[in-house]
Amino acid sequence: MSGVYIYTIHGCPYCAKAKKLLLSRHVPFQEVDVTEDHETRKWLRQVTGKSTVPQTFVNGQPVGGYADLDAIDKAGRLGRVMFGR
């Protein structure tokens, strides 16, 4: 899986904040709505150790949820994490 993927559920305010942050920084991403996808949510828990959404992956590696993205952005590292620069 290459690129940026964000796993969300319908109506989640933190999912909306994460997408807004990525859009504001011009980070192209693919959204995966897992509202009714219990198997993918189970997989997310196994891979990330978290049961919360959103969960963001870059090139197949988990980056975290909204708070993680916000902290990375505030530290000035979002471009490096998302684009390798």
PDB file of N, CA and C in Angstrom:
ATOM      1  N   MET A   1       0.849  -1.168   0.000  1.00  0.00           N
ATOM      2  CA  MET A   1       0.000   0.000   0.000  1.00  0.00           C
ATOM      3  C   MET A   1       0.900   1.239   0.000  1.00  0.00           C
ATOM      4  N   SER A   2       0.936   1.942  -1.102  1.00  0.00           N
ATOM      5  CA  SER A   2       1.739   3.162  -1.134  1.00  0.00           C
ATOM      6  C   SER A   2       0.811   4.363  -1.089  1.00  0.00           C
ATOM      7  N   GLY A   3       1.331   5.459  -0.600  1.00  0.00           N
ATOM      8  CA  GLY A   3       0.538   6.669  -0.460  1.00  0.00           C
ATOM      9  C   GLY A   3      -0.008   6.815   0.937  1.00  0.00           C
ATOM     10  N   VAL A   4      -0.916   7.771   1.086  1.00  0.00           N
ATOM     11  CA  VAL A   4      -1.502   8.086   2.384  1.00  0.00           C
ATOM     12  C   VAL A   4      -2.940   7.589   2.407  1.00  0.00           C
ATOM     13  N   TYR A   5      -3.262   6.794   3.408  1.00  0.00           N
ATOM     14  CA  TYR A   5      -4.611   6.277   3.615  1.00  0.00           C
ATOM     15  C   TYR A   5      -5.081   6.707   4.991  1.00  0.00           C
ATOM     16  N   ILE A   6      -6.327   7.158   5.060  1.00  0.00           N
ATOM     17  CA  ILE A   6      -6.901   7.521   6.346  1.00  0.00           C
ATOM     18  C   ILE A   6      -8.194   6.732   6.526  1.00  0.00           C
ATOM     19  N   TYR A   7      -8.254   5.968   7.599  1.00  0.00           N
ATOM     20  CA  TYR A   7      -9.397   5.127   7.915  1.00  0.00           C
ATOM     21  C   TYR A   7     -10.313   5.908   8.847  1.00  0.00           C
ATOM     22  N   THR A   8     -11.573   6.033   8.449  1.00  0.00           N
ATOM     23  CA  THR A   8     -12.519   6.883   9.154  1.00  0.00           C
ATOM     24  C   THR A   8     -13.840   6.148   9.379  1.00  0.00           C
ATOM     25  N   ILE A   9     -14.684   6.763  10.217  1.00  0.00           N
ATOM     26  CA  ILE A   9     -16.076   6.331  10.328  1.00  0.00           C
ATOM     27  C   ILE A   9     -16.958   7.556  10.128  1.00  0.00           C
ATOM     28  N   HIS A  10     -18.164   7.315   9.687  1.00  0.00           N
ATOM     29  CA  HIS A  10     -19.120   8.381   9.421  1.00  0.00           C
ATOM     30  C   HIS A  10     -19.452   9.150  10.705  1.00  0.00           C
ATOM     31  N   GLY A  11     -19.421  10.464  10.618  1.00  0.00           N
ATOM     32  CA  GLY A  11     -19.815  11.304  11.740  1.00  0.00           C
ATOM     33  C   GLY A  11     -18.750  11.536  12.795  1.00  0.00           C
ATOM     34  N   CYS A  12     -17.537  11.085  12.562  1.00  0.00           N
ATOM     35  CA  CYS A  12     -16.459  11.219  13.543  1.00  0.00           C
ATOM     36  C   CYS A  12     -15.815  12.610  13.442  1.00  0.00           C
ATOM     37  N   PRO A  13     -15.889  13.431  14.485  1.00  0.00           N
ATOM     38  CA  PRO A  13     -15.316  14.778  14.403  1.00  0.00           C
ATOM     39  C   PRO A  13     -13.792  14.766  14.267  1.00  0.00           C
ATOM     40  N   TYR A  14     -13.124  13.798  14.870  1.00  0.00           N
ATOM     41  CA  TYR A  14     -11.662  13.741  14.753  1.00  0.00           C
ATOM     42  C   TYR A  14     -11.244  13.300  13.354  1.00  0.00           C
ATOM     43  N   CYS A  15     -12.070  12.468  12.725  1.00  0.00           N
ATOM     44  CA  CYS A  15     -11.803  12.090  11.337  1.00  0.00           C
ATOM     45  C   CYS A  15     -11.891  13.324  10.448  1.00  0.00           C
ATOM     46  N   ALA A  16     -12.919  14.129  10.667  1.00  0.00           N
ATOM     47  CA  ALA A  16     -13.086  15.360   9.881  1.00  0.00           C
ATOM     48  C   ALA A  16     -11.912  16.307  10.105  1.00  0.00           C
ATOM     49  N   LYS A  17     -11.452  16.434  11.347  1.00  0.00           N
ATOM     50  CA  LYS A  17     -10.303  17.299  11.645  1.00  0.00           C
ATOM     51  C   LYS A  17      -9.033  16.794  10.973  1.00  0.00           C
ATOM     52  N   ALA A  18      -8.835  15.490  10.986  1.00  0.00           N
ATOM     53  CA  ALA A  18      -7.633  14.911  10.359  1.00  0.00           C
ATOM     54  C   ALA A  18      -7.649  15.153   8.855  1.00  0.00           C
ATOM     55  N   LYS A  19      -8.797  14.932   8.218  1.00  0.00           N
ATOM     56  CA  LYS A  19      -8.902  15.166   6.777  1.00  0.00           C
ATOM     57  C   LYS A  19      -8.689  16.641   6.447  1.00  0.00           C
ATOM     58  N   LYS A  20      -9.252  17.513   7.267  1.00  0.00           N
ATOM     59  CA  LYS A  20      -9.091  18.957   7.052  1.00  0.00           C
ATOM     60  C   LYS A  20      -7.620  19.355   7.164  1.00  0.00           C
ATOM     61  N   LEU A  21      -6.918  18.794   8.143  1.00  0.00           N
ATOM     62  CA  LEU A  21      -5.493  19.083   8.315  1.00  0.00           C
ATOM     63  C   LEU A  21      -4.701  18.626   7.096  1.00  0.00           C
ATOM     64  N   LEU A  22      -4.942  17.401   6.648  1.00  0.00           N
ATOM     65  CA  LEU A  22      -4.220  16.895   5.479  1.00  0.00           C
ATOM     66  C   LEU A  22      -4.524  17.739   4.239  1.00  0.00           C
ATOM     67  N   LEU A  23      -5.784  18.090   4.053  1.00  0.00           N
ATOM     68  CA  LEU A  23      -6.150  18.921   2.906  1.00  0.00           C
ATOM     69  C   LEU A  23      -5.488  20.295   2.980  1.00  0.00           C
ATOM     70  N   SER A  24      -5.431  20.872   4.183  1.00  0.00           N
ATOM     71  CA  SER A  24      -4.834  22.209   4.333  1.00  0.00           C
ATOM     72  C   SER A  24      -3.337  22.201   4.040  1.00  0.00           C
ATOM     73  N   ARG A  25      -2.713  21.043   4.155  1.00  0.00           N
ATOM     74  CA  ARG A  25      -1.274  20.904   3.883  1.00  0.00           C
ATOM     75  C   ARG A  25      -1.023  20.269   2.509  1.00  0.00           C
ATOM     76  N   HIS A  26      -2.098  20.158   1.728  1.00  0.00           N
ATOM     77  CA  HIS A  26      -2.014  19.634   0.349  1.00  0.00           C
ATOM     78  C   HIS A  26      -1.456  18.214   0.298  1.00  0.00           C
ATOM     79  N   VAL A  27      -1.850  17.407   1.268  1.00  0.00           N
ATOM     80  CA  VAL A  27      -1.439  16.005   1.304  1.00  0.00           C
ATOM     81  C   VAL A  27      -2.528  15.187   0.625  1.00  0.00           C
ATOM     82  N   PRO A  28      -2.227  14.587  -0.524  1.00  0.00           N
ATOM     83  CA  PRO A  28      -3.234  13.728  -1.161  1.00  0.00           C
ATOM     84  C   PRO A  28      -3.401  12.441  -0.351  1.00  0.00           C
ATOM     85  N   PHE A  29      -4.650  12.051  -0.175  1.00  0.00           N
ATOM     86  CA  PHE A  29      -4.905  10.839   0.603  1.00  0.00           C
ATOM     87  C   PHE A  29      -6.108  10.114   0.059  1.00  0.00           C
ATOM     88  N   GLN A  30      -6.180   8.848   0.411  1.00  0.00           N
ATOM     89  CA  GLN A  30      -7.330   8.017   0.081  1.00  0.00           C
ATOM     90  C   GLN A  30      -8.068   7.749   1.382  1.00  0.00           C
ATOM     91  N   GLU A  31      -9.344   8.102   1.433  1.00  0.00           N
ATOM     92  CA  GLU A  31     -10.147   7.828   2.617  1.00  0.00           C
ATOM     93  C   GLU A  31     -10.776   6.449   2.506  1.00  0.00           C
ATOM     94  N   VAL A  32     -10.724   5.713   3.614  1.00  0.00           N
ATOM     95  CA  VAL A  32     -11.355   4.401   3.682  1.00  0.00           C
ATOM     96  C   VAL A  32     -12.370   4.449   4.819  1.00  0.00           C
ATOM     97  N   ASP A  33     -13.645   4.454   4.467  1.00  0.00           N
ATOM     98  CA  ASP A  33     -14.724   4.506   5.457  1.00  0.00           C
ATOM     99  C   ASP A  33     -14.945   3.098   5.998  1.00  0.00           C
ATOM    100  N   VAL A  34     -14.708   2.922   7.278  1.00  0.00           N
ATOM    101  CA  VAL A  34     -14.852   1.604   7.906  1.00  0.00           C
ATOM    102  C   VAL A  34     -16.034   1.565   8.880  1.00  0.00           C
ATOM    103  N   THR A  35     -17.004   2.462   8.647  1.00  0.00           N
ATOM    104  CA  THR A  35     -18.157   2.540   9.543  1.00  0.00           C
ATOM    105  C   THR A  35     -18.816   1.181   9.735  1.00  0.00           C
ATOM    106  N   GLU A  36     -19.043   0.457   8.667  1.00  0.00           N
ATOM    107  CA  GLU A  36     -19.715  -0.846   8.734  1.00  0.00           C
ATOM    108  C   GLU A  36     -18.768  -2.006   8.425  1.00  0.00           C
ATOM    109  N   ASP A  37     -17.482  -1.734   8.347  1.00  0.00           N
ATOM    110  CA  ASP A  37     -16.500  -2.754   7.958  1.00  0.00           C
ATOM    111  C   ASP A  37     -15.775  -3.280   9.207  1.00  0.00           C
ATOM    112  N   HIS A  38     -16.410  -4.217   9.866  1.00  0.00           N
ATOM    113  CA  HIS A  38     -15.886  -4.721  11.137  1.00  0.00           C
ATOM    114  C   HIS A  38     -14.571  -5.484  10.976  1.00  0.00           C
ATOM    115  N   GLU A  39     -14.383  -6.145   9.854  1.00  0.00           N
ATOM    116  CA  GLU A  39     -13.129  -6.877   9.621  1.00  0.00           C
ATOM    117  C   GLU A  39     -11.949  -5.908   9.497  1.00  0.00           C
ATOM    118  N   THR A  40     -12.136  -4.824   8.768  1.00  0.00           N
ATOM    119  CA  THR A  40     -11.049  -3.850   8.637  1.00  0.00           C
ATOM    120  C   THR A  40     -10.786  -3.167   9.964  1.00  0.00           C
ATOM    121  N   ARG A  41     -11.816  -2.895  10.740  1.00  0.00           N
ATOM    122  CA  ARG A  41     -11.615  -2.280  12.065  1.00  0.00           C
ATOM    123  C   ARG A  41     -10.852  -3.234  12.985  1.00  0.00           C
ATOM    124  N   LYS A  42     -11.141  -4.510  12.882  1.00  0.00           N
ATOM    125  CA  LYS A  42     -10.401  -5.516  13.661  1.00  0.00           C
ATOM    126  C   LYS A  42      -8.932  -5.511  13.235  1.00  0.00           C
ATOM    127  N   TRP A  43      -8.689  -5.466  11.928  1.00  0.00           N
ATOM    128  CA  TRP A  43      -7.318  -5.402  11.396  1.00  0.00           C
ATOM    129  C   TRP A  43      -6.611  -4.142  11.905  1.00  0.00           C
ATOM    130  N   LEU A  44      -7.298  -3.003  11.898  1.00  0.00           N
ATOM    131  CA  LEU A  44      -6.694  -1.753  12.389  1.00  0.00           C
ATOM    132  C   LEU A  44      -6.261  -1.903  13.846  1.00  0.00           C
ATOM    133  N   ARG A  45      -7.109  -2.513  14.671  1.00  0.00           N
ATOM    134  CA  ARG A  45      -6.756  -2.725  16.088  1.00  0.00           C
ATOM    135  C   ARG A  45      -5.516  -3.604  16.216  1.00  0.00           C
ATOM    136  N   GLN A  46      -5.433  -4.631  15.383  1.00  0.00           N
ATOM    137  CA  GLN A  46      -4.275  -5.532  15.432  1.00  0.00           C
ATOM    138  C   GLN A  46      -2.999  -4.809  15.010  1.00  0.00           C
ATOM    139  N   VAL A  47      -3.080  -4.013  13.962  1.00  0.00           N
ATOM    140  CA  VAL A  47      -1.894  -3.359  13.399  1.00  0.00           C
ATOM    141  C   VAL A  47      -1.442  -2.160  14.231  1.00  0.00           C
ATOM    142  N   THR A  48      -2.413  -1.381  14.723  1.00  0.00           N
ATOM    143  CA  THR A  48      -2.058  -0.134  15.427  1.00  0.00           C
ATOM    144  C   THR A  48      -2.090  -0.272  16.941  1.00  0.00           C
ATOM    145  N   GLY A  49      -2.782  -1.278  17.435  1.00  0.00           N
ATOM    146  CA  GLY A  49      -2.952  -1.411  18.876  1.00  0.00           C
ATOM    147  C   GLY A  49      -3.979  -0.438  19.430  1.00  0.00           C
ATOM    148  N   LYS A  50      -4.713   0.235  18.538  1.00  0.00           N
ATOM    149  CA  LYS A  50      -5.718   1.229  18.957  1.00  0.00           C
ATOM    150  C   LYS A  50      -7.057   0.874  18.339  1.00  0.00           C
ATOM    151  N   SER A  51      -8.116   1.195  19.061  1.00  0.00           N
ATOM    152  CA  SER A  51      -9.457   0.931  18.542  1.00  0.00           C
ATOM    153  C   SER A  51     -10.144   2.207  18.084  1.00  0.00           C
ATOM    154  N   THR A  52      -9.404   3.305  18.047  1.00  0.00           N
ATOM    155  CA  THR A  52      -9.984   4.584  17.679  1.00  0.00           C
ATOM    156  C   THR A  52      -9.719   4.923  16.216  1.00  0.00           C
ATOM    157  N   VAL A  53     -10.538   5.811  15.702  1.00  0.00           N
ATOM    158  CA  VAL A  53     -10.330   6.374  14.372  1.00  0.00           C
ATOM    159  C   VAL A  53     -10.289   7.886  14.527  1.00  0.00           C
ATOM    160  N   PRO A  54      -9.659   8.561  13.607  1.00  0.00           N
ATOM    161  CA  PRO A  54      -9.056   8.042  12.397  1.00  0.00           C
ATOM    162  C   PRO A  54      -7.737   7.338  12.689  1.00  0.00           C
ATOM    163  N   GLN A  55      -7.324   6.534  11.737  1.00  0.00           N
ATOM    164  CA  GLN A  55      -5.982   5.961  11.737  1.00  0.00           C
ATOM    165  C   GLN A  55      -5.390   6.258  10.366  1.00  0.00           C
ATOM    166  N   THR A  56      -4.195   6.797  10.362  1.00  0.00           N
ATOM    167  CA  THR A  56      -3.540   7.208   9.125  1.00  0.00           C
ATOM    168  C   THR A  56      -2.328   6.331   8.884  1.00  0.00           C
ATOM    169  N   PHE A  57      -2.172   5.925   7.626  1.00  0.00           N
ATOM    170  CA  PHE A  57      -1.034   5.119   7.204  1.00  0.00           C
ATOM    171  C   PHE A  57      -0.325   5.838   6.062  1.00  0.00           C
ATOM    172  N   VAL A  58       0.997   5.796   6.088  1.00  0.00           N
ATOM    173  CA  VAL A  58       1.803   6.338   4.995  1.00  0.00           C
ATOM    174  C   VAL A  58       2.669   5.198   4.476  1.00  0.00           C
ATOM    175  N   ASN A  59       2.483   4.882   3.214  1.00  0.00           N
ATOM    176  CA  ASN A  59       3.219   3.776   2.583  1.00  0.00           C
ATOM    177  C   ASN A  59       3.148   2.498   3.410  1.00  0.00           C
ATOM    178  N   GLY A  60       1.952   2.225   3.929  1.00  0.00           N
ATOM    179  CA  GLY A  60       1.714   1.001   4.673  1.00  0.00           C
ATOM    180  C   GLY A  60       2.113   1.031   6.133  1.00  0.00           C
ATOM    181  N   GLN A  61       2.683   2.134   6.597  1.00  0.00           N
ATOM    182  CA  GLN A  61       3.118   2.239   7.989  1.00  0.00           C
ATOM    183  C   GLN A  61       2.152   3.111   8.783  1.00  0.00           C
ATOM    184  N   PRO A  62       1.699   2.659   9.959  1.00  0.00           N
ATOM    185  CA  PRO A  62       0.776   3.475  10.747  1.00  0.00           C
ATOM    186  C   PRO A  62       1.459   4.726  11.288  1.00  0.00           C
ATOM    187  N   VAL A  63       0.760   5.843  11.162  1.00  0.00           N
ATOM    188  CA  VAL A  63       1.256   7.124  11.660  1.00  0.00           C
ATOM    189  C   VAL A  63       0.480   7.551  12.896  1.00  0.00           C
ATOM    190  N   GLY A  64      -0.799   7.195  12.957  1.00  0.00           N
ATOM    191  CA  GLY A  64      -1.598   7.525  14.128  1.00  0.00           C
ATOM    192  C   GLY A  64      -2.893   8.210  13.767  1.00  0.00           C
ATOM    193  N   GLY A  65      -3.516   8.775  14.783  1.00  0.00           N
ATOM    194  CA  GLY A  65      -4.793   9.450  14.631  1.00  0.00           C
ATOM    195  C   GLY A  65      -4.626  10.956  14.510  1.00  0.00           C
ATOM    196  N   TYR A  66      -5.733  11.669  14.746  1.00  0.00           N
ATOM    197  CA  TYR A  66      -5.700  13.116  14.583  1.00  0.00           C
ATOM    198  C   TYR A  66      -4.680  13.776  15.507  1.00  0.00           C
ATOM    199  N   ALA A  67      -4.659  13.400  16.770  1.00  0.00           N
ATOM    200  CA  ALA A  67      -3.730  14.032  17.719  1.00  0.00           C
ATOM    201  C   ALA A  67      -2.285  13.818  17.279  1.00  0.00           C
ATOM    202  N   ASP A  68      -1.988  12.650  16.738  1.00  0.00           N
ATOM    203  CA  ASP A  68      -0.637  12.367  16.245  1.00  0.00           C
ATOM    204  C   ASP A  68      -0.306  13.244  15.039  1.00  0.00           C
ATOM    205  N   LEU A  69      -1.242  13.332  14.091  1.00  0.00           N
ATOM    206  CA  LEU A  69      -1.024  14.176  12.917  1.00  0.00           C
ATOM    207  C   LEU A  69      -0.841  15.639  13.315  1.00  0.00           C
ATOM    208  N   ASP A  70      -1.668  16.101  14.239  1.00  0.00           N
ATOM    209  CA  ASP A  70      -1.584  17.483  14.704  1.00  0.00           C
ATOM    210  C   ASP A  70      -0.225  17.758  15.358  1.00  0.00           C
ATOM    211  N   ALA A  71       0.246  16.829  16.176  1.00  0.00           N
ATOM    212  CA  ALA A  71       1.549  16.997  16.832  1.00  0.00           C
ATOM    213  C   ALA A  71       2.684  16.998  15.806  1.00  0.00           C
ATOM    214  N   ILE A  72       2.601  16.118  14.824  1.00  0.00           N
ATOM    215  CA  ILE A  72       3.622  16.070  13.768  1.00  0.00           C
ATOM    216  C   ILE A  72       3.622  17.387  12.995  1.00  0.00           C
ATOM    217  N   ASP A  73       2.425  17.894  12.687  1.00  0.00           N
ATOM    218  CA  ASP A  73       2.312  19.155  11.967  1.00  0.00           C
ATOM    219  C   ASP A  73       2.878  20.309  12.786  1.00  0.00           C
ATOM    220  N   LYS A  74       2.521  20.388  14.052  1.00  0.00           N
ATOM    221  CA  LYS A  74       3.000  21.478  14.920  1.00  0.00           C
ATOM    222  C   LYS A  74       4.507  21.423  15.117  1.00  0.00           C
ATOM    223  N   ALA A  75       5.082  20.231  15.004  1.00  0.00           N
ATOM    224  CA  ALA A  75       6.539  20.084  15.113  1.00  0.00           C
ATOM    225  C   ALA A  75       7.234  20.395  13.785  1.00  0.00           C
ATOM    226  N   GLY A  76       6.438  20.694  12.750  1.00  0.00           N
ATOM    227  CA  GLY A  76       7.009  21.026  11.454  1.00  0.00           C
ATOM    228  C   GLY A  76       7.515  19.824  10.669  1.00  0.00           C
ATOM    229  N   ARG A  77       7.016  18.635  10.998  1.00  0.00           N
ATOM    230  CA  ARG A  77       7.513  17.420  10.356  1.00  0.00           C
ATOM    231  C   ARG A  77       6.501  16.741   9.444  1.00  0.00           C
ATOM    232  N   LEU A  78       5.348  17.358   9.221  1.00  0.00           N
ATOM    233  CA  LEU A  78       4.312  16.691   8.442  1.00  0.00           C
ATOM    234  C   LEU A  78       4.780  16.405   7.017  1.00  0.00           C
ATOM    235  N   GLY A  79       5.433  17.363   6.385  1.00  0.00           N
ATOM    236  CA  GLY A  79       5.933  17.148   5.019  1.00  0.00           C
ATOM    237  C   GLY A  79       6.918  16.003   4.946  1.00  0.00           C
ATOM    238  N   ARG A  80       7.793  15.910   5.930  1.00  0.00           N
ATOM    239  CA  ARG A  80       8.791  14.832   5.951  1.00  0.00           C
ATOM    240  C   ARG A  80       8.121  13.473   6.135  1.00  0.00           C
ATOM    241  N   VAL A  81       7.146  13.421   7.023  1.00  0.00           N
ATOM    242  CA  VAL A  81       6.457  12.153   7.292  1.00  0.00           C
ATOM    243  C   VAL A  81       5.618  11.734   6.086  1.00  0.00           C
ATOM    244  N   MET A  82       4.926  12.693   5.481  1.00  0.00           N
ATOM    245  CA  MET A  82       4.017  12.375   4.384  1.00  0.00           C
ATOM    246  C   MET A  82       4.717  12.205   3.044  1.00  0.00           C
ATOM    247  N   PHE A  83       5.744  13.023   2.820  1.00  0.00           N
ATOM    248  CA  PHE A  83       6.384  13.051   1.505  1.00  0.00           C
ATOM    249  C   PHE A  83       7.859  12.648   1.520  1.00  0.00           C
ATOM    250  N   GLY A  84       8.385  12.381   2.699  1.00  0.00           N
ATOM    251  CA  GLY A  84       9.810  12.038   2.781  1.00  0.00           C
ATOM    252  C   GLY A  84      10.719  13.231   2.568  1.00  0.00           C
ATOM    253  N   ARG A  85      10.189  14.451   2.801  1.00  0.00           N
ATOM    254  CA  ARG A  85      11.026  15.649   2.646  1.00  0.00           C
ATOM    255  C   ARG A  85      10.853  16.593   3.805  1.00  0.00           C
TER     256      ARG A  85
END
